[in-house]
PDB file of all heavy atoms in Angstrom:
ATOM      1  N   GLY A   1     -59.769  93.198-108.918  1.00  0.00           N
ATOM      2  CA  GLY A   1     -58.821  93.426-107.837  1.00  0.00           C
ATOM      3  C   GLY A   1     -58.168  94.790-107.819  1.00  0.00           C
ATOM      4  O   GLY A   1     -57.323  95.052-106.983  1.00  0.00           O
ATOM      5  N   CYS A   2     -58.558  95.677-108.744  1.00  0.00           N
ATOM      6  CA  CYS A   2     -57.980  97.023-108.809  1.00  0.00           C
ATOM      7  C   CYS A   2     -59.026  98.050-108.405  1.00  0.00           C
ATOM      8  O   CYS A   2     -60.206  97.895-108.704  1.00  0.00           O
ATOM      9  CB  CYS A   2     -57.503  97.336-110.230  1.00  0.00           C
ATOM     10  SG  CYS A   2     -56.200  96.246-110.786  1.00  0.00           S
ATOM     11  N   GLY A   3     -58.587  99.104-107.724  1.00  0.00           N
ATOM     12  CA  GLY A   3     -59.488 100.158-107.283  1.00  0.00           C
ATOM     13  C   GLY A   3     -59.670 101.239-108.330  1.00  0.00           C
ATOM     14  O   GLY A   3     -58.700 101.690-108.935  1.00  0.00           O
ATOM     15  N   PHE A   4     -60.902 101.635-108.557  1.00  0.00           N
ATOM     16  CA  PHE A   4     -61.245 102.695-109.500  1.00  0.00           C
ATOM     17  C   PHE A   4     -62.210 103.657-108.832  1.00  0.00           C
ATOM     18  O   PHE A   4     -62.855 103.307-107.846  1.00  0.00           O
ATOM     19  CB  PHE A   4     -61.929 102.120-110.752  1.00  0.00           C
ATOM     20  CG  PHE A   4     -61.037 101.267-111.591  1.00  0.00           C
ATOM     21  CD1 PHE A   4     -60.947  99.907-111.356  1.00  0.00           C
ATOM     22  CD2 PHE A   4     -60.295 101.821-112.628  1.00  0.00           C
ATOM     23  CE1 PHE A   4     -60.127  99.110-112.138  1.00  0.00           C
ATOM     24  CE2 PHE A   4     -59.471 101.031-113.410  1.00  0.00           C
ATOM     25  CZ  PHE A   4     -59.387  99.668-113.160  1.00  0.00           C
ATOM     26  N   VAL A   5     -62.334 104.843-109.372  1.00  0.00           N
ATOM     27  CA  VAL A   5     -63.313 105.821-108.922  1.00  0.00           C
ATOM     28  C   VAL A   5     -64.277 106.054-110.073  1.00  0.00           C
ATOM     29  O   VAL A   5     -63.861 106.318-111.197  1.00  0.00           O
ATOM     30  CB  VAL A   5     -62.648 107.155-108.528  1.00  0.00           C
ATOM     31  CG1 VAL A   5     -63.693 108.172-108.127  1.00  0.00           C
ATOM     32  CG2 VAL A   5     -61.654 106.943-107.404  1.00  0.00           C
ATOM     33  N   GLU A   6     -65.573 105.916-109.794  1.00  0.00           N
ATOM     34  CA  GLU A   6     -66.612 106.173-110.795  1.00  0.00           C
ATOM     35  C   GLU A   6     -67.300 107.490-110.462  1.00  0.00           C
ATOM     36  O   GLU A   6     -67.782 107.677-109.355  1.00  0.00           O
ATOM     37  CB  GLU A   6     -67.648 105.056-110.781  1.00  0.00           C
ATOM     38  CG  GLU A   6     -67.614 104.236-112.014  1.00  0.00           C
ATOM     39  CD  GLU A   6     -68.705 103.178-112.060  1.00  0.00           C
ATOM     40  OE1 GLU A   6     -69.760 103.309-111.424  1.00  0.00           O
ATOM     41  OE2 GLU A   6     -68.458 102.200-112.768  1.00  0.00           O
ATOM     42  N   LEU A   7     -67.320 108.373-111.423  1.00  0.00           N
ATOM     43  CA  LEU A   7     -67.986 109.663-111.288  1.00  0.00           C
ATOM     44  C   LEU A   7     -69.150 109.669-112.260  1.00  0.00           C
ATOM     45  O   LEU A   7     -68.953 109.496-113.470  1.00  0.00           O
ATOM     46  CB  LEU A   7     -67.012 110.795-111.619  1.00  0.00           C
ATOM     47  CG  LEU A   7     -67.546 112.211-111.591  1.00  0.00           C
ATOM     48  CD1 LEU A   7     -67.994 112.590-110.186  1.00  0.00           C
ATOM     49  CD2 LEU A   7     -66.498 113.193-112.086  1.00  0.00           C
ATOM     50  N   THR A   8     -70.372 109.815-111.742  1.00  0.00           N
ATOM     51  CA  THR A   8     -71.564 109.825-112.583  1.00  0.00           C
ATOM     52  C   THR A   8     -72.088 111.249-112.663  1.00  0.00           C
ATOM     53  O   THR A   8     -72.433 111.852-111.654  1.00  0.00           O
ATOM     54  CB  THR A   8     -72.652 108.890-112.021  1.00  0.00           C
ATOM     55  OG1 THR A   8     -72.101 107.578-111.874  1.00  0.00           O
ATOM     56  CG2 THR A   8     -73.852 108.834-112.951  1.00  0.00           C
ATOM     57  N   LEU A   9     -72.118 111.778-113.891  1.00  0.00           N
ATOM     58  CA  LEU A   9     -72.536 113.150-114.161  1.00  0.00           C
ATOM     59  C   LEU A   9     -73.909 113.151-114.814  1.00  0.00           C
ATOM     60  O   LEU A   9     -74.247 112.226-115.554  1.00  0.00           O
ATOM     61  CB  LEU A   9     -71.532 113.827-115.103  1.00  0.00           C
ATOM     62  CG  LEU A   9     -70.079 113.817-114.628  1.00  0.00           C
ATOM     63  CD1 LEU A   9     -69.154 114.248-115.754  1.00  0.00           C
ATOM     64  CD2 LEU A   9     -69.925 114.707-113.427  1.00  0.00           C
ATOM     65  N   PRO A  10     -74.690 114.203-114.590  1.00  0.00           N
ATOM     66  CA  PRO A  10     -76.016 114.261-115.210  1.00  0.00           C
ATOM     67  C   PRO A  10     -75.914 114.349-116.730  1.00  0.00           C
ATOM     68  O   PRO A  10     -74.886 114.761-117.265  1.00  0.00           O
ATOM     69  CB  PRO A  10     -76.634 115.523-114.629  1.00  0.00           C
ATOM     70  CG  PRO A  10     -75.480 116.345-114.187  1.00  0.00           C
ATOM     71  CD  PRO A  10     -74.386 115.397-113.828  1.00  0.00           C
ATOM     72  N   ASP A  11     -76.987 113.956-117.406  1.00  0.00           N
ATOM     73  CA  ASP A  11     -77.051 114.077-118.860  1.00  0.00           C
ATOM     74  C   ASP A  11     -76.843 115.539-119.236  1.00  0.00           C
ATOM     75  O   ASP A  11     -77.497 116.423-118.714  1.00  0.00           O
ATOM     76  CB  ASP A  11     -78.409 113.586-119.360  1.00  0.00           C
ATOM     77  CG  ASP A  11     -78.479 113.538-120.870  1.00  0.00           C
ATOM     78  OD1 ASP A  11     -77.425 113.605-121.525  1.00  0.00           O
ATOM     79  OD2 ASP A  11     -79.592 113.428-121.398  1.00  0.00           O
ATOM     80  N   ALA A  12     -75.903 115.777-120.110  1.00  0.00           N
ATOM     81  CA  ALA A  12     -75.591 117.162-120.488  1.00  0.00           C
ATOM     82  C   ALA A  12     -75.028 117.180-121.898  1.00  0.00           C
ATOM     83  O   ALA A  12     -75.251 116.260-122.672  1.00  0.00           O
ATOM     84  CB  ALA A  12     -74.611 117.757-119.491  1.00  0.00           C
ATOM     85  N   ASP A  13     -74.296 118.186-122.204  1.00  0.00           N
ATOM     86  CA  ASP A  13     -73.716 118.408-123.520  1.00  0.00           C
ATOM     87  C   ASP A  13     -72.913 117.190-123.992  1.00  0.00           C
ATOM     88  O   ASP A  13     -72.006 116.739-123.296  1.00  0.00           O
ATOM     89  CB  ASP A  13     -72.808 119.638-123.440  1.00  0.00           C
ATOM     90  CG  ASP A  13     -72.195 120.029-124.767  1.00  0.00           C
ATOM     91  OD1 ASP A  13     -72.418 119.342-125.776  1.00  0.00           O
ATOM     92  OD2 ASP A  13     -71.480 121.038-124.782  1.00  0.00           O
ATOM     93  N   PRO A  14     -73.220 116.648-125.169  1.00  0.00           N
ATOM     94  CA  PRO A  14     -72.462 115.509-125.697  1.00  0.00           C
ATOM     95  C   PRO A  14     -70.980 115.833-125.898  1.00  0.00           C
ATOM     96  O   PRO A  14     -70.152 114.937-125.922  1.00  0.00           O
ATOM     97  CB  PRO A  14     -73.130 115.209-127.040  1.00  0.00           C
ATOM     98  CG  PRO A  14     -74.460 115.852-126.974  1.00  0.00           C
ATOM     99  CD  PRO A  14     -74.342 116.989-126.022  1.00  0.00           C
ATOM    100  N   GLN A  15     -70.665 117.113-125.983  1.00  0.00           N
ATOM    101  CA  GLN A  15     -69.263 117.514-126.146  1.00  0.00           C
ATOM    102  C   GLN A  15     -68.446 117.122-124.910  1.00  0.00           C
ATOM    103  O   GLN A  15     -67.262 116.826-125.023  1.00  0.00           O
ATOM    104  CB  GLN A  15     -69.160 119.025-126.399  1.00  0.00           C
ATOM    105  CG  GLN A  15     -67.765 119.492-126.735  1.00  0.00           C
ATOM    106  CD  GLN A  15     -67.235 118.894-128.022  1.00  0.00           C
ATOM    107  OE1 GLN A  15     -67.974 118.733-128.995  1.00  0.00           O
ATOM    108  NE2 GLN A  15     -65.968 118.543-128.028  1.00  0.00           N
ATOM    109  N   GLN A  16     -69.084 117.091-123.735  1.00  0.00           N
ATOM    110  CA  GLN A  16     -68.382 116.693-122.507  1.00  0.00           C
ATOM    111  C   GLN A  16     -67.758 115.318-122.657  1.00  0.00           C
ATOM    112  O   GLN A  16     -66.605 115.116-122.306  1.00  0.00           O
ATOM    113  CB  GLN A  16     -69.333 116.655-121.315  1.00  0.00           C
ATOM    114  CG  GLN A  16     -69.737 117.982-120.800  1.00  0.00           C
ATOM    115  CD  GLN A  16     -70.766 117.836-119.688  1.00  0.00           C
ATOM    116  OE1 GLN A  16     -71.368 116.781-119.492  1.00  0.00           O
ATOM    117  NE2 GLN A  16     -70.974 118.914-118.958  1.00  0.00           N
ATOM    118  N   ARG A  17     -68.533 114.384-123.171  1.00  0.00           N
ATOM    119  CA  ARG A  17     -68.013 113.018-123.316  1.00  0.00           C
ATOM    120  C   ARG A  17     -66.836 112.992-124.278  1.00  0.00           C
ATOM    121  O   ARG A  17     -65.818 112.379-123.998  1.00  0.00           O
ATOM    122  CB  ARG A  17     -69.114 112.076-123.799  1.00  0.00           C
ATOM    123  CG  ARG A  17     -68.633 110.653-123.912  1.00  0.00           C
ATOM    124  CD  ARG A  17     -69.743 109.726-124.303  1.00  0.00           C
ATOM    125  NE  ARG A  17     -69.248 108.357-124.349  1.00  0.00           N
ATOM    126  CZ  ARG A  17     -69.984 107.336-124.648  1.00  0.00           C
ATOM    127  NH1 ARG A  17     -71.255 107.480-124.884  1.00  0.00           N
ATOM    128  NH2 ARG A  17     -69.465 106.134-124.678  1.00  0.00           N
ATOM    129  N   ARG A  18     -66.970 113.696-125.386  1.00  0.00           N
ATOM    130  CA  ARG A  18     -65.873 113.714-126.351  1.00  0.00           C
ATOM    131  C   ARG A  18     -64.620 114.346-125.747  1.00  0.00           C
ATOM    132  O   ARG A  18     -63.520 113.838-125.924  1.00  0.00           O
ATOM    133  CB  ARG A  18     -66.298 114.442-127.619  1.00  0.00           C
ATOM    134  CG  ARG A  18     -67.327 113.659-128.434  1.00  0.00           C
ATOM    135  CD  ARG A  18     -67.601 114.297-129.787  1.00  0.00           C
ATOM    136  NE  ARG A  18     -68.378 115.530-129.679  1.00  0.00           N
ATOM    137  CZ  ARG A  18     -69.694 115.592-129.612  1.00  0.00           C
ATOM    138  NH1 ARG A  18     -70.411 114.476-129.622  1.00  0.00           N
ATOM    139  NH2 ARG A  18     -70.322 116.748-129.546  1.00  0.00           N
ATOM    140  N   ASP A  19     -64.798 115.441-125.007  1.00  0.00           N
ATOM    141  CA  ASP A  19     -63.655 116.093-124.371  1.00  0.00           C
ATOM    142  C   ASP A  19     -63.003 115.179-123.337  1.00  0.00           C
ATOM    143  O   ASP A  19     -61.780 115.088-123.267  1.00  0.00           O
ATOM    144  CB  ASP A  19     -64.082 117.406-123.701  1.00  0.00           C
ATOM    145  CG  ASP A  19     -64.439 118.485-124.709  1.00  0.00           C
ATOM    146  OD1 ASP A  19     -64.102 118.335-125.912  1.00  0.00           O
ATOM    147  OD2 ASP A  19     -65.073 119.475-124.298  1.00  0.00           O
ATOM    148  N   LEU A  20     -63.820 114.503-122.528  1.00  0.00           N
ATOM    149  CA  LEU A  20     -63.276 113.603-121.520  1.00  0.00           C
ATOM    150  C   LEU A  20     -62.583 112.402-122.149  1.00  0.00           C
ATOM    151  O   LEU A  20     -61.544 111.956-121.660  1.00  0.00           O
ATOM    152  CB  LEU A  20     -64.378 113.131-120.575  1.00  0.00           C
ATOM    153  CG  LEU A  20     -64.813 114.151-119.544  1.00  0.00           C
ATOM    154  CD1 LEU A  20     -66.104 113.708-118.873  1.00  0.00           C
ATOM    155  CD2 LEU A  20     -63.730 114.385-118.522  1.00  0.00           C
ATOM    156  N   GLU A  21     -63.139 111.874-123.236  1.00  0.00           N
ATOM    157  CA  GLU A  21     -62.521 110.725-123.895  1.00  0.00           C
ATOM    158  C   GLU A  21     -61.147 111.062-124.453  1.00  0.00           C
ATOM    159  O   GLU A  21     -60.276 110.214-124.534  1.00  0.00           O
ATOM    160  CB  GLU A  21     -63.434 110.206-125.006  1.00  0.00           C
ATOM    161  CG  GLU A  21     -64.620 109.451-124.468  1.00  0.00           C
ATOM    162  CD  GLU A  21     -65.593 109.041-125.562  1.00  0.00           C
ATOM    163  OE1 GLU A  21     -65.617 109.666-126.638  1.00  0.00           O
ATOM    164  OE2 GLU A  21     -66.366 108.093-125.315  1.00  0.00           O
ATOM    165  N   ARG A  22     -60.946 112.313-124.852  1.00  0.00           N
ATOM    166  CA  ARG A  22     -59.645 112.752-125.379  1.00  0.00           C
ATOM    167  C   ARG A  22     -58.626 112.972-124.271  1.00  0.00           C
ATOM    168  O   ARG A  22     -57.443 113.004-124.520  1.00  0.00           O
ATOM    169  CB  ARG A  22     -59.807 114.029-126.190  1.00  0.00           C
ATOM    170  CG  ARG A  22     -60.374 113.754-127.554  1.00  0.00           C
ATOM    171  CD  ARG A  22     -60.411 115.011-128.387  1.00  0.00           C
ATOM    172  NE  ARG A  22     -61.786 115.082-128.870  1.00  0.00           N
ATOM    173  CZ  ARG A  22     -62.551 116.134-128.891  1.00  0.00           C
ATOM    174  NH1 ARG A  22     -62.102 117.284-128.514  1.00  0.00           N
ATOM    175  NH2 ARG A  22     -63.769 116.071-129.326  1.00  0.00           N
ATOM    176  N   SER A  23     -59.104 113.135-123.056  1.00  0.00           N
ATOM    177  CA  SER A  23     -58.215 113.362-121.915  1.00  0.00           C
ATOM    178  C   SER A  23     -57.578 112.055-121.489  1.00  0.00           C
ATOM    179  O   SER A  23     -58.190 111.010-121.563  1.00  0.00           O
ATOM    180  CB  SER A  23     -58.988 113.900-120.719  1.00  0.00           C
ATOM    181  OG  SER A  23     -59.746 114.992-121.064  1.00  0.00           O
ATOM    182  N   LYS A  24     -56.368 112.155-121.004  1.00  0.00           N
ATOM    183  CA  LYS A  24     -55.722 110.971-120.464  1.00  0.00           C
ATOM    184  C   LYS A  24     -55.848 110.939-118.949  1.00  0.00           C
ATOM    185  O   LYS A  24     -55.759 109.891-118.336  1.00  0.00           O
ATOM    186  CB  LYS A  24     -54.259 110.955-120.868  1.00  0.00           C
ATOM    187  CG  LYS A  24     -54.104 110.772-122.360  1.00  0.00           C
ATOM    188  CD  LYS A  24     -52.660 110.622-122.733  1.00  0.00           C
ATOM    189  CE  LYS A  24     -52.581 110.470-124.169  1.00  0.00           C
ATOM    190  NZ  LYS A  24     -52.145 110.361-125.162  1.00  0.00           N
TER     191      LYS A  24
END
């Protein structure tokens, strides 16, 4: 029942995921 936005990015640097996970 809650709205979310999903952003799908191409496979790239694994550092991106770590950086995004640290972001609030």
